[in-house]
């Protein structure tokens, strides 16, 4: 019984009986030990909940790579749109996607394993003529780690090509790391996501 309720009952009984009857002191102090125990238990439960919350989630490198490759494939197909995807989908899956997986593996090896859980696909593919497919960023630092792009190339008398490449923060995104190229046609390809 709450302490304030016990005191209120004592005061009410005393007033109603004009002080002739007063509850015993045992009534006032009854269950004080039992009141303290639940508080300790509640505190202990609360403390263990906090400890559970403080434990950071963990992801293995294999799970991280698998998750990122699936997202990479989906973002790439979104970027290609309905006009480009059917033409290059098979070659992309056979040639470019394994190279994307290798690039993600390199990042996973170089990045501290306990912080892999912070890496997320940060941006969706962009439409039009933009190169960006997706970026993988560290959410806690709000910083890109690796950027995957596709550039449209048109070498003289060779038709149109899609050049897939990536940039990393290890070289301040300066170098183009080649993933491969896919031939389109002599005709100009449609815009991304069309």
C-alpha atoms as a PDB file:
ATOM      1  CA  UNK A   1       0.000   0.000   0.000  1.00  0.00           C
ATOM      2  CA  UNK A   2       1.427   3.420  -0.875  1.00  0.00           C
ATOM      3  CA  UNK A   3       2.803   5.456   1.999  1.00  0.00           C
ATOM      4  CA  UNK A   4       0.542   8.458   1.277  1.00  0.00           C
ATOM      5  CA  UNK A   5      -2.557   6.223   1.469  1.00  0.00           C
ATOM      6  CA  UNK A   6      -1.549   4.760   4.848  1.00  0.00           C
ATOM      7  CA  UNK A   7      -0.937   8.226   6.279  1.00  0.00           C
ATOM      8  CA  UNK A   8      -4.288   9.446   4.932  1.00  0.00           C
ATOM      9  CA  UNK A   9      -6.113   6.528   6.558  1.00  0.00           C
ATOM     10  CA  UNK A  10      -4.429   7.241   9.907  1.00  0.00           C
ATOM     11  CA  UNK A  11      -5.410  10.912   9.711  1.00  0.00           C
ATOM     12  CA  UNK A  12      -9.030  10.085   8.693  1.00  0.00           C
ATOM     13  CA  UNK A  13      -9.508   7.498  11.463  1.00  0.00           C
ATOM     14  CA  UNK A  14      -8.056   9.904  14.017  1.00  0.00           C
ATOM     15  CA  UNK A  15     -10.344  12.757  12.903  1.00  0.00           C
ATOM     16  CA  UNK A  16     -13.488  10.603  12.708  1.00  0.00           C
ATOM     17  CA  UNK A  17     -13.001   9.132  16.177  1.00  0.00           C
ATOM     18  CA  UNK A  18     -11.957  12.450  17.693  1.00  0.00           C
ATOM     19  CA  UNK A  19      -8.584  10.970  18.563  1.00  0.00           C
ATOM     20  CA  UNK A  20     -10.065   8.194  20.716  1.00  0.00           C
ATOM     21  CA  UNK A  21      -8.762   5.496  18.378  1.00  0.00           C
ATOM     22  CA  UNK A  22      -5.495   5.717  16.552  1.00  0.00           C
ATOM     23  CA  UNK A  23      -4.112   2.995  14.358  1.00  0.00           C
ATOM     24  CA  UNK A  24      -1.026   1.289  15.682  1.00  0.00           C
ATOM     25  CA  UNK A  25       2.421   2.311  14.579  1.00  0.00           C
ATOM     26  CA  UNK A  26       2.770  -1.153  13.042  1.00  0.00           C
ATOM     27  CA  UNK A  27       0.111  -0.159  10.494  1.00  0.00           C
ATOM     28  CA  UNK A  28       2.196   2.818   9.454  1.00  0.00           C
ATOM     29  CA  UNK A  29       5.386   0.791   9.027  1.00  0.00           C
ATOM     30  CA  UNK A  30       3.800  -2.430   7.718  1.00  0.00           C
ATOM     31  CA  UNK A  31       5.082  -3.673   4.362  1.00  0.00           C
ATOM     32  CA  UNK A  32       7.918  -1.150   4.307  1.00  0.00           C
ATOM     33  CA  UNK A  33      10.378  -3.948   3.629  1.00  0.00           C
ATOM     34  CA  UNK A  34       8.192  -5.326   0.863  1.00  0.00           C
ATOM     35  CA  UNK A  35       7.949  -1.814  -0.661  1.00  0.00           C
ATOM     36  CA  UNK A  36      11.719  -1.533  -0.782  1.00  0.00           C
ATOM     37  CA  UNK A  37      12.231  -4.904  -2.452  1.00  0.00           C
ATOM     38  CA  UNK A  38      10.114  -4.155  -5.521  1.00  0.00           C
ATOM     39  CA  UNK A  39      11.930  -0.856  -5.944  1.00  0.00           C
ATOM     40  CA  UNK A  40      15.221  -2.704  -6.013  1.00  0.00           C
ATOM     41  CA  UNK A  41      13.778  -5.240  -8.421  1.00  0.00           C
ATOM     42  CA  UNK A  42      12.371  -2.521 -10.651  1.00  0.00           C
ATOM     43  CA  UNK A  43      15.710  -0.725 -10.586  1.00  0.00           C
ATOM     44  CA  UNK A  44      17.544  -3.961 -11.362  1.00  0.00           C
ATOM     45  CA  UNK A  45      15.166  -4.670 -14.274  1.00  0.00           C
ATOM     46  CA  UNK A  46      15.576  -1.099 -15.528  1.00  0.00           C
ATOM     47  CA  UNK A  47      19.345  -1.398 -15.281  1.00  0.00           C
ATOM     48  CA  UNK A  48      19.431  -4.656 -17.247  1.00  0.00           C
ATOM     49  CA  UNK A  49      17.181  -3.089 -19.933  1.00  0.00           C
ATOM     50  CA  UNK A  50      19.665  -0.208 -20.253  1.00  0.00           C
ATOM     51  CA  UNK A  51      22.525  -2.664 -20.542  1.00  0.00           C
ATOM     52  CA  UNK A  52      20.686  -4.448 -23.348  1.00  0.00           C
ATOM     53  CA  UNK A  53      20.096  -1.148 -25.159  1.00  0.00           C
ATOM     54  CA  UNK A  54      23.780  -0.231 -24.897  1.00  0.00           C
ATOM     55  CA  UNK A  55      24.864  -3.412 -26.691  1.00  0.00           C
ATOM     56  CA  UNK A  56      25.470  -2.417 -30.291  1.00  0.00           C
ATOM     57  CA  UNK A  57      24.036  -4.574 -33.040  1.00  0.00           C
ATOM     58  CA  UNK A  58      26.502  -6.767 -34.869  1.00  0.00           C
ATOM     59  CA  UNK A  59      26.629  -7.824 -38.502  1.00  0.00           C
ATOM     60  CA  UNK A  60      29.088 -10.270 -40.001  1.00  0.00           C
ATOM     61  CA  UNK A  61      31.081  -9.280 -43.060  1.00  0.00           C
ATOM     62  CA  UNK A  62      29.392 -12.003 -45.099  1.00  0.00           C
ATOM     63  CA  UNK A  63      25.904 -10.811 -44.142  1.00  0.00           C
ATOM     64  CA  UNK A  64      26.889  -7.204 -44.818  1.00  0.00           C
ATOM     65  CA  UNK A  65      28.257  -8.045 -48.283  1.00  0.00           C
ATOM     66  CA  UNK A  66      25.210 -10.121 -49.174  1.00  0.00           C
ATOM     67  CA  UNK A  67      22.807  -7.388 -48.046  1.00  0.00           C
ATOM     68  CA  UNK A  68      24.705  -4.679 -49.944  1.00  0.00           C
ATOM     69  CA  UNK A  69      24.932  -6.732 -53.158  1.00  0.00           C
ATOM     70  CA  UNK A  70      21.159  -7.306 -53.140  1.00  0.00           C
ATOM     71  CA  UNK A  71      20.567  -3.593 -52.635  1.00  0.00           C
ATOM     72  CA  UNK A  72      23.150  -2.753 -55.312  1.00  0.00           C
ATOM     73  CA  UNK A  73      21.374  -4.942 -57.835  1.00  0.00           C
ATOM     74  CA  UNK A  74      17.998  -3.396 -57.032  1.00  0.00           C
ATOM     75  CA  UNK A  75      19.320   0.178 -57.203  1.00  0.00           C
ATOM     76  CA  UNK A  76      21.041  -0.578 -60.512  1.00  0.00           C
ATOM     77  CA  UNK A  77      17.904  -2.027 -62.072  1.00  0.00           C
ATOM     78  CA  UNK A  78      15.934   0.981 -60.828  1.00  0.00           C
ATOM     79  CA  UNK A  79      18.498   3.254 -62.496  1.00  0.00           C
ATOM     80  CA  UNK A  80      18.304   1.378 -65.803  1.00  0.00           C
ATOM     81  CA  UNK A  81      14.551   1.812 -66.079  1.00  0.00           C
ATOM     82  CA  UNK A  82      12.245  -0.215 -68.285  1.00  0.00           C
ATOM     83  CA  UNK A  83      13.956   0.678 -71.567  1.00  0.00           C
ATOM     84  CA  UNK A  84      17.589  -0.086 -70.709  1.00  0.00           C
ATOM     85  CA  UNK A  85      17.177  -2.913 -68.180  1.00  0.00           C
ATOM     86  CA  UNK A  86      15.911  -5.640 -70.569  1.00  0.00           C
ATOM     87  CA  UNK A  87      18.813  -5.005 -72.963  1.00  0.00           C
ATOM     88  CA  UNK A  88      21.727  -5.047 -70.465  1.00  0.00           C
ATOM     89  CA  UNK A  89      20.299  -6.936 -67.459  1.00  0.00           C
ATOM     90  CA  UNK A  90      21.925 -10.302 -68.238  1.00  0.00           C
ATOM     91  CA  UNK A  91      25.379  -8.900 -69.011  1.00  0.00           C
ATOM     92  CA  UNK A  92      25.185  -6.628 -65.957  1.00  0.00           C
ATOM     93  CA  UNK A  93      24.406  -9.618 -63.704  1.00  0.00           C
ATOM     94  CA  UNK A  94      27.231 -11.718 -65.185  1.00  0.00           C
ATOM     95  CA  UNK A  95      30.010  -9.117 -65.528  1.00  0.00           C
ATOM     96  CA  UNK A  96      29.384  -5.955 -63.489  1.00  0.00           C
ATOM     97  CA  UNK A  97      27.578  -7.263 -60.384  1.00  0.00           C
ATOM     98  CA  UNK A  98      30.412  -9.666 -59.381  1.00  0.00           C
ATOM     99  CA  UNK A  99      32.828  -6.719 -59.655  1.00  0.00           C
ATOM    100  CA  UNK A 100      30.524  -4.591 -57.484  1.00  0.00           C
ATOM    101  CA  UNK A 101      30.568  -7.428 -54.953  1.00  0.00           C
ATOM    102  CA  UNK A 102      34.398  -7.445 -54.975  1.00  0.00           C
ATOM    103  CA  UNK A 103      34.459  -3.675 -54.409  1.00  0.00           C
ATOM    104  CA  UNK A 104      32.050  -4.015 -51.476  1.00  0.00           C
ATOM    105  CA  UNK A 105      34.231  -6.837 -50.080  1.00  0.00           C
ATOM    106  CA  UNK A 106      37.263  -4.536 -50.212  1.00  0.00           C
ATOM    107  CA  UNK A 107      35.372  -1.910 -48.232  1.00  0.00           C
ATOM    108  CA  UNK A 108      34.211  -4.537 -45.720  1.00  0.00           C
ATOM    109  CA  UNK A 109      37.803  -5.717 -45.231  1.00  0.00           C
ATOM    110  CA  UNK A 110      39.199  -2.201 -44.778  1.00  0.00           C
ATOM    111  CA  UNK A 111      36.350  -0.915 -42.599  1.00  0.00           C
ATOM    112  CA  UNK A 112      36.253  -1.871 -38.885  1.00  0.00           C
ATOM    113  CA  UNK A 113      33.862  -4.813 -38.481  1.00  0.00           C
ATOM    114  CA  UNK A 114      32.088  -3.345 -35.444  1.00  0.00           C
ATOM    115  CA  UNK A 115      31.115  -0.316 -37.558  1.00  0.00           C
ATOM    116  CA  UNK A 116      29.817  -2.235 -40.601  1.00  0.00           C
ATOM    117  CA  UNK A 117      26.318  -1.985 -39.138  1.00  0.00           C
ATOM    118  CA  UNK A 118      26.523   1.806 -39.637  1.00  0.00           C
ATOM    119  CA  UNK A 119      27.043   1.494 -43.398  1.00  0.00           C
ATOM    120  CA  UNK A 120      23.876   1.982 -45.436  1.00  0.00           C
ATOM    121  CA  UNK A 121      22.927   2.625 -49.033  1.00  0.00           C
ATOM    122  CA  UNK A 122      22.583   6.394 -48.845  1.00  0.00           C
ATOM    123  CA  UNK A 123      21.145   7.496 -52.129  1.00  0.00           C
ATOM    124  CA  UNK A 124      18.761   6.192 -54.693  1.00  0.00           C
ATOM    125  CA  UNK A 125      19.596   6.151 -58.357  1.00  0.00           C
ATOM    126  CA  UNK A 126      19.233   9.417 -60.235  1.00  0.00           C
ATOM    127  CA  UNK A 127      17.361   9.848 -63.491  1.00  0.00           C
ATOM    128  CA  UNK A 128      18.310  11.670 -66.675  1.00  0.00           C
ATOM    129  CA  UNK A 129      21.994  11.709 -67.624  1.00  0.00           C
ATOM    130  CA  UNK A 130      23.439  11.657 -64.097  1.00  0.00           C
ATOM    131  CA  UNK A 131      26.119   9.046 -63.297  1.00  0.00           C
ATOM    132  CA  UNK A 132      25.107   8.140 -59.735  1.00  0.00           C
ATOM    133  CA  UNK A 133      23.709   4.650 -59.152  1.00  0.00           C
ATOM    134  CA  UNK A 134      24.077   4.559 -55.341  1.00  0.00           C
ATOM    135  CA  UNK A 135      26.478   5.436 -52.532  1.00  0.00           C
ATOM    136  CA  UNK A 136      27.307   3.516 -49.379  1.00  0.00           C
ATOM    137  CA  UNK A 137      27.711   5.882 -46.436  1.00  0.00           C
ATOM    138  CA  UNK A 138      28.542   5.711 -42.756  1.00  0.00           C
ATOM    139  CA  UNK A 139      25.390   7.063 -41.102  1.00  0.00           C
ATOM    140  CA  UNK A 140      27.129   7.980 -37.848  1.00  0.00           C
ATOM    141  CA  UNK A 141      29.697  10.161 -39.636  1.00  0.00           C
ATOM    142  CA  UNK A 142      27.303  11.246 -42.399  1.00  0.00           C
ATOM    143  CA  UNK A 143      30.092  10.495 -44.872  1.00  0.00           C
ATOM    144  CA  UNK A 144      30.200   8.473 -48.102  1.00  0.00           C
ATOM    145  CA  UNK A 145      32.542   5.490 -48.089  1.00  0.00           C
ATOM    146  CA  UNK A 146      32.109   4.267 -51.662  1.00  0.00           C
ATOM    147  CA  UNK A 147      30.242   5.697 -54.658  1.00  0.00           C
ATOM    148  CA  UNK A 148      29.033   3.575 -57.577  1.00  0.00           C
ATOM    149  CA  UNK A 149      28.512   5.366 -60.902  1.00  0.00           C
ATOM    150  CA  UNK A 150      27.780   4.578 -64.534  1.00  0.00           C
ATOM    151  CA  UNK A 151      29.014   6.884 -67.275  1.00  0.00           C
ATOM    152  CA  UNK A 152      27.821   7.000 -70.878  1.00  0.00           C
ATOM    153  CA  UNK A 153      30.739   6.765 -73.274  1.00  0.00           C
ATOM    154  CA  UNK A 154      30.623   7.352 -77.025  1.00  0.00           C
ATOM    155  CA  UNK A 155      34.058   6.671 -78.525  1.00  0.00           C
ATOM    156  CA  UNK A 156      34.276   7.698 -82.212  1.00  0.00           C
ATOM    157  CA  UNK A 157      32.734   5.083 -84.522  1.00  0.00           C
ATOM    158  CA  UNK A 158      32.347   2.537 -81.686  1.00  0.00           C
ATOM    159  CA  UNK A 159      28.762   3.163 -80.600  1.00  0.00           C
ATOM    160  CA  UNK A 160      27.531   3.869 -77.104  1.00  0.00           C
ATOM    161  CA  UNK A 161      28.883   2.147 -73.998  1.00  0.00           C
ATOM    162  CA  UNK A 162      27.963   2.170 -70.320  1.00  0.00           C
ATOM    163  CA  UNK A 163      31.106   2.436 -68.196  1.00  0.00           C
ATOM    164  CA  UNK A 164      30.575   1.231 -64.625  1.00  0.00           C
ATOM    165  CA  UNK A 165      33.057   2.452 -62.023  1.00  0.00           C
ATOM    166  CA  UNK A 166      33.345   3.429 -58.375  1.00  0.00           C
ATOM    167  CA  UNK A 167      35.151   5.942 -56.181  1.00  0.00           C
ATOM    168  CA  UNK A 168      36.250   5.454 -52.551  1.00  0.00           C
ATOM    169  CA  UNK A 169      36.957   7.751 -49.646  1.00  0.00           C
ATOM    170  CA  UNK A 170      40.388   6.103 -49.299  1.00  0.00           C
ATOM    171  CA  UNK A 171      41.616   8.284 -52.188  1.00  0.00           C
ATOM    172  CA  UNK A 172      39.187  11.190 -51.569  1.00  0.00           C
ATOM    173  CA  UNK A 173      36.979   9.962 -54.495  1.00  0.00           C
ATOM    174  CA  UNK A 174      39.593  11.036 -57.063  1.00  0.00           C
ATOM    175  CA  UNK A 175      40.349   7.761 -58.886  1.00  0.00           C
ATOM    176  CA  UNK A 176      37.982   5.893 -61.171  1.00  0.00           C
ATOM    177  CA  UNK A 177      38.056   2.203 -60.240  1.00  0.00           C
ATOM    178  CA  UNK A 178      36.742   0.373 -63.294  1.00  0.00           C
ATOM    179  CA  UNK A 179      34.033  -2.288 -62.886  1.00  0.00           C
ATOM    180  CA  UNK A 180      33.517  -2.949 -66.600  1.00  0.00           C
ATOM    181  CA  UNK A 181      31.686  -1.648 -69.645  1.00  0.00           C
ATOM    182  CA  UNK A 182      28.574  -2.812 -71.482  1.00  0.00           C
ATOM    183  CA  UNK A 183      27.930  -2.044 -75.120  1.00  0.00           C
ATOM    184  CA  UNK A 184      24.568  -0.427 -75.882  1.00  0.00           C
ATOM    185  CA  UNK A 185      24.177   0.267 -79.606  1.00  0.00           C
ATOM    186  CA  UNK A 186      25.148   2.790 -82.247  1.00  0.00           C
ATOM    187  CA  UNK A 187      21.948   4.691 -81.419  1.00  0.00           C
ATOM    188  CA  UNK A 188      21.867   7.015 -78.417  1.00  0.00           C
ATOM    189  CA  UNK A 189      20.508   5.229 -75.317  1.00  0.00           C
ATOM    190  CA  UNK A 190      17.422   6.587 -73.552  1.00  0.00           C
ATOM    191  CA  UNK A 191      17.778   8.561 -70.331  1.00  0.00           C
ATOM    192  CA  UNK A 192      18.133   6.701 -67.061  1.00  0.00           C
ATOM    193  CA  UNK A 193      14.955   5.541 -65.329  1.00  0.00           C
ATOM    194  CA  UNK A 194      12.873   5.968 -68.493  1.00  0.00           C
END
